[in-house]
């Protein structure tokens, strides 16, 4: 059968893979690049050669995330290796990346990615700003091992530190974080997300704000005067996050929307000593 016929098979159609996801499956499972597909669009594939795709589809239908099945996700164009020990990088977090890049164009900036997981955000920042001194932390040693592996594979120089929050860290020009922000008993969490992704990276107290409260209260102690803190959060948490920021006497509090129009990233600036 051809690849078009394979995709039209009911066992494959039932999964509902997007065009990008189908391309990733062909690349990772069959070793086919887009150029390969263009060169031989009518190539015939034996049933046994297609069996790994059917096996993958069967597992996907049971709810296993495709990124974990393939062992890779794509963030800002970077192939990021993932496993169930780290959260799958999501396009929404690219808004956090773009916000950070816009707010801190300084080529020599010292930047912290707090709670790095797979390392996707830290590595993307380093890709765009090679002169930045990027430090990335996580409390989970398995996540840090995955992040280090990604950095080595992509030849991007990031300093990796195991740390609980901001404890023991120095001072930075910019701090970014995509912390856990889902309430423990949130009924709207997708079943597949709850079943397969690490709860340590998802849930944060009864209202989802436990770690966010802590970071907003402590981050100024780890920023230079005028430094920025950029924080991803749930789309319904804008008012709570902005209120926490103003109560903690942050300046220039502003929330940015994601591509779906949802409030997604709140940024805030540490006042200069003369402004206090």
Protein backbone atom coordinates (compact mmCIF):
# COMPACT_ATOMS: atom_id res chain seq x y z
CA UNK A 1 0.00 0.00 0.00
CA UNK A 2 1.01 3.65 -0.43
CA UNK A 3 1.37 6.07 2.46
CA UNK A 4 -1.87 7.78 1.46
CA UNK A 5 -3.65 4.44 1.60
CA UNK A 6 -2.06 3.73 4.97
CA UNK A 7 -3.34 6.99 6.41
CA UNK A 8 -6.84 6.30 5.08
CA UNK A 9 -6.96 2.95 6.84
CA UNK A 10 -9.76 3.11 9.47
CA UNK A 11 -7.33 1.97 12.18
CA UNK A 12 -5.17 5.02 11.47
CA UNK A 13 -7.99 7.49 10.75
CA UNK A 14 -9.54 6.67 14.12
CA UNK A 15 -6.59 8.26 15.93
CA UNK A 16 -7.18 11.67 14.33
CA UNK A 17 -3.54 12.62 13.88
CA UNK A 18 -2.96 16.10 12.43
CA UNK A 19 -0.80 16.62 9.35
CA UNK A 20 2.16 17.53 11.57
CA UNK A 21 1.64 14.51 13.80
CA UNK A 22 1.42 12.21 10.78
CA UNK A 23 4.68 13.67 9.47
CA UNK A 24 6.33 13.00 12.86
CA UNK A 25 5.07 9.41 12.84
CA UNK A 26 6.50 8.81 9.37
CA UNK A 27 9.82 10.39 10.34
CA UNK A 28 10.23 8.60 13.65
CA UNK A 29 8.67 5.22 12.85
CA UNK A 30 9.41 4.72 9.14
CA UNK A 31 12.45 6.99 8.89
CA UNK A 32 10.89 9.06 6.11
CA UNK A 33 11.68 12.74 5.65
CA UNK A 34 9.26 15.06 3.79
CA UNK A 35 11.72 14.96 0.88
CA UNK A 36 11.54 11.16 0.81
CA UNK A 37 7.77 11.36 0.52
CA UNK A 38 7.98 13.85 -2.34
CA UNK A 39 10.46 11.71 -4.22
CA UNK A 40 8.44 8.50 -4.00
CA UNK A 41 4.76 9.37 -3.40
CA UNK A 42 3.54 6.07 -4.89
CA UNK A 43 6.03 3.80 -3.18
CA UNK A 44 4.44 0.52 -2.12
CA UNK A 45 4.86 -0.59 1.49
CA UNK A 46 4.54 -4.21 2.60
CA UNK A 47 2.08 -4.88 5.47
CA UNK A 48 4.86 -5.95 7.83
CA UNK A 49 6.70 -2.66 7.21
CA UNK A 50 3.56 -0.74 8.21
CA UNK A 51 2.88 -2.81 11.33
CA UNK A 52 4.83 -0.46 13.67
CA UNK A 53 2.50 2.38 12.59
CA UNK A 54 -0.56 0.26 13.39
CA UNK A 55 0.94 -0.65 16.77
CA UNK A 56 1.56 3.01 17.52
CA UNK A 57 -2.00 3.93 16.51
CA UNK A 58 -3.44 1.26 18.79
CA UNK A 59 -1.55 2.65 21.77
CA UNK A 60 -2.52 6.21 20.86
CA UNK A 61 -6.19 5.17 20.82
CA UNK A 62 -5.75 4.03 24.43
CA UNK A 63 -4.76 7.58 25.35
CA UNK A 64 -0.96 7.46 25.37
CA UNK A 65 0.40 10.84 24.19
CA UNK A 66 2.09 10.71 20.81
CA UNK A 67 5.13 12.59 22.12
CA UNK A 68 5.79 9.85 24.67
CA UNK A 69 5.19 7.12 22.10
CA UNK A 70 7.72 8.70 19.73
CA UNK A 71 10.03 9.92 22.47
CA UNK A 72 10.17 13.39 20.93
CA UNK A 73 8.17 16.63 20.83
CA UNK A 74 8.85 19.78 18.86
CA UNK A 75 9.20 23.18 20.53
CA UNK A 76 10.04 26.30 18.55
CA UNK A 77 11.35 24.01 15.83
CA UNK A 78 13.65 22.09 18.17
CA UNK A 79 13.26 18.31 18.50
CA UNK A 80 13.04 17.78 22.26
CA UNK A 81 13.37 14.26 23.63
CA UNK A 82 10.69 13.53 26.23
CA UNK A 83 9.58 10.72 28.51
CA UNK A 84 6.82 10.38 31.12
CA UNK A 85 9.24 11.97 33.62
CA UNK A 86 8.76 15.39 31.96
CA UNK A 87 5.83 17.49 30.81
CA UNK A 88 5.30 17.51 27.05
CA UNK A 89 6.29 20.97 25.65
CA UNK A 90 3.26 22.78 24.28
CA UNK A 91 2.82 25.54 21.69
CA UNK A 92 1.25 27.82 24.33
CA UNK A 93 4.63 28.02 26.05
CA UNK A 94 6.13 29.54 22.91
CA UNK A 95 4.26 32.70 23.99
CA UNK A 96 6.37 32.66 27.16
CA UNK A 97 9.48 32.29 25.02
CA UNK A 98 8.56 35.20 22.74
CA UNK A 99 7.64 37.42 25.70
CA UNK A 100 11.01 36.77 27.32
CA UNK A 101 12.92 37.47 24.10
CA UNK A 102 11.09 40.76 23.60
CA UNK A 103 11.54 42.00 27.15
CA UNK A 104 15.23 41.21 27.47
CA UNK A 105 17.14 41.93 24.23
CA UNK A 106 20.40 42.45 26.16
CA UNK A 107 22.93 40.08 24.61
CA UNK A 108 24.77 39.52 27.89
CA UNK A 109 21.74 38.85 30.08
CA UNK A 110 21.77 36.30 32.90
CA UNK A 111 18.59 34.29 32.51
CA UNK A 112 16.92 31.61 34.65
CA UNK A 113 14.39 29.01 33.48
CA UNK A 114 12.74 27.86 36.69
CA UNK A 115 11.26 24.35 36.55
CA UNK A 116 12.74 23.46 33.18
CA UNK A 117 11.39 19.91 32.74
CA UNK A 118 12.64 18.70 29.35
CA UNK A 119 14.72 21.86 28.97
CA UNK A 120 12.69 23.02 25.96
CA UNK A 121 12.27 26.65 27.04
CA UNK A 122 15.88 27.09 28.19
CA UNK A 123 17.23 25.55 25.00
CA UNK A 124 15.00 27.67 22.78
CA UNK A 125 16.14 30.83 24.58
CA UNK A 126 19.76 29.83 24.11
CA UNK A 127 19.11 29.14 20.43
CA UNK A 128 17.73 32.66 19.91
CA UNK A 129 20.16 34.43 22.25
CA UNK A 130 23.52 32.59 22.10
CA UNK A 131 25.22 35.21 24.29
CA UNK A 132 22.75 34.79 27.14
CA UNK A 133 24.03 32.98 30.22
CA UNK A 134 21.11 30.58 30.66
CA UNK A 135 20.63 28.62 33.88
CA UNK A 136 17.82 26.07 34.17
CA UNK A 137 16.58 24.33 37.31
CA UNK A 138 14.28 21.51 38.27
CA UNK A 139 13.57 19.71 41.51
CA UNK A 140 13.36 16.34 39.72
CA UNK A 141 16.72 14.69 38.90
CA UNK A 142 15.11 12.59 36.13
CA UNK A 143 13.85 15.73 34.41
CA UNK A 144 17.29 17.34 34.67
CA UNK A 145 18.90 14.26 33.15
CA UNK A 146 16.52 14.51 30.19
CA UNK A 147 17.22 18.23 29.82
CA UNK A 148 20.98 17.68 29.87
CA UNK A 149 20.61 15.00 27.22
CA UNK A 150 18.67 17.40 25.01
CA UNK A 151 21.29 20.11 25.45
CA UNK A 152 24.13 17.77 24.51
CA UNK A 153 22.28 16.49 21.46
CA UNK A 154 21.45 20.02 20.28
CA UNK A 155 24.89 21.44 21.19
CA UNK A 156 23.38 24.25 23.27
CA UNK A 157 25.23 25.45 26.36
CA UNK A 158 22.96 25.74 29.40
CA UNK A 159 23.84 25.43 33.09
CA UNK A 160 21.65 22.82 34.79
CA UNK A 161 20.96 22.96 38.54
CA UNK A 162 18.82 20.77 40.76
CA UNK A 163 16.90 23.15 43.00
CA UNK A 164 13.58 23.50 44.80
CA UNK A 165 12.19 26.80 43.60
CA UNK A 166 14.64 29.67 43.96
CA UNK A 167 16.46 28.28 46.99
CA UNK A 168 20.22 28.73 46.76
CA UNK A 169 20.17 30.63 43.46
CA UNK A 170 21.92 33.92 42.72
CA UNK A 171 20.68 37.02 40.88
CA UNK A 172 19.46 37.27 37.29
CA UNK A 173 18.33 39.85 34.74
CA UNK A 174 15.36 37.72 33.71
CA UNK A 175 13.50 34.79 35.26
CA UNK A 176 11.00 32.74 33.26
CA UNK A 177 8.86 29.91 34.55
CA UNK A 178 6.14 27.57 33.40
CA UNK A 179 5.29 26.15 36.83
CA UNK A 180 2.54 23.68 37.73
CA UNK A 181 -0.69 25.67 37.90
CA UNK A 182 -3.60 23.21 37.82
CA UNK A 183 -5.82 22.78 40.89
CA UNK A 184 -5.56 19.30 42.38
CA UNK A 185 -9.25 18.48 41.89
CA UNK A 186 -9.78 20.37 38.63
CA UNK A 187 -12.56 18.43 36.82
CA UNK A 188 -11.60 19.84 33.41
CA UNK A 189 -8.16 18.24 33.19
CA UNK A 190 -7.93 15.96 30.16
CA UNK A 191 -7.94 12.32 31.27
CA UNK A 192 -4.92 11.47 29.11
CA UNK A 193 -2.93 14.34 30.60
CA UNK A 194 -3.78 13.26 34.15
CA UNK A 195 -3.07 9.60 33.40
CA UNK A 196 0.26 9.99 31.63
CA UNK A 197 2.02 13.28 32.42
CA UNK A 198 3.96 13.91 35.67
CA UNK A 199 1.69 15.26 38.41
CA UNK A 200 4.61 17.16 39.94
CA UNK A 201 4.66 19.34 36.81
CA UNK A 202 0.87 19.72 36.59
CA UNK A 203 -0.73 20.30 39.98
CA UNK A 204 -0.16 23.02 42.57
CA UNK A 205 -2.49 23.08 45.55
CA UNK A 206 -6.24 23.33 45.83
CA UNK A 207 -6.44 26.38 43.54
CA UNK A 208 -3.43 25.79 41.28
CA UNK A 209 -1.64 28.86 42.66
CA UNK A 210 0.46 27.42 45.48
CA UNK A 211 3.81 27.57 43.68
CA UNK A 212 2.91 30.75 41.79
CA UNK A 213 2.31 32.52 45.13
CA UNK A 214 5.71 31.42 46.35
CA UNK A 215 7.53 32.48 43.19
CA UNK A 216 5.88 35.91 43.03
CA UNK A 217 6.77 36.48 46.69
CA UNK A 218 10.41 35.38 46.30
CA UNK A 219 11.50 36.22 42.76
CA UNK A 220 12.44 39.85 43.42
CA UNK A 221 15.17 38.60 45.78
CA UNK A 222 16.81 36.92 42.78
CA UNK A 223 16.53 39.72 40.21
CA UNK A 224 18.59 42.83 39.57
CA UNK A 225 16.79 46.15 39.82
CA UNK A 226 14.63 46.51 36.73
CA UNK A 227 14.79 42.76 36.04
CA UNK A 228 11.81 40.91 34.59
CA UNK A 229 9.84 37.90 35.75
CA UNK A 230 7.75 36.16 33.05
CA UNK A 231 5.28 33.56 34.29
CA UNK A 232 3.00 31.17 32.42
CA UNK A 233 -0.32 30.31 34.08
CA UNK A 234 -3.81 29.01 33.41
CA UNK A 235 -6.06 31.07 31.18
CA UNK A 236 -8.49 31.75 34.04
CA UNK A 237 -5.80 32.83 36.50
CA UNK A 238 -4.94 36.27 35.11
CA UNK A 239 -6.74 38.32 37.77
CA UNK A 240 -5.36 36.26 40.65
CA UNK A 241 -1.79 36.39 39.32
CA UNK A 242 -1.92 40.14 38.62
CA UNK A 243 -3.34 40.76 42.10
CA UNK A 244 -0.56 38.72 43.71
CA UNK A 245 2.02 40.65 41.69
CA UNK A 246 0.69 44.05 42.69
CA UNK A 247 0.41 43.02 46.34
CA UNK A 248 4.09 42.04 46.19
CA UNK A 249 4.91 45.52 44.77
CA UNK A 250 5.97 44.48 41.28
CA UNK A 251 5.99 47.14 38.57
CA UNK A 252 4.73 47.04 34.98
CA UNK A 253 2.41 44.08 35.53
CA UNK A 254 0.96 42.96 32.21
CA UNK A 255 -0.66 39.80 30.82
CA UNK A 256 -0.12 38.47 27.29
CA UNK A 257 -2.57 36.25 25.41
CA UNK A 258 -1.73 33.05 23.60
CA UNK A 259 -2.59 32.24 19.98
CA UNK A 260 -6.09 31.13 21.02
CA UNK A 261 -6.72 34.51 22.66
CA UNK A 262 -6.45 33.17 26.21
CA UNK A 263 -4.60 35.02 28.98
CA UNK A 264 -1.44 32.94 29.27
CA UNK A 265 1.69 34.83 30.44
CA UNK A 266 1.99 37.55 33.06
CA UNK A 267 5.16 39.59 33.20
CA UNK A 268 6.30 41.90 35.94
CA UNK A 269 9.32 44.07 36.63
CA UNK A 270 11.33 44.52 39.81
CA UNK A 271 11.36 48.22 40.76
CA UNK A 272 14.64 50.10 40.85
CA UNK A 273 15.74 51.01 44.36
CA UNK A 274 15.03 54.67 43.59
CA UNK A 275 11.44 53.81 42.65
CA UNK A 276 10.61 52.21 46.01
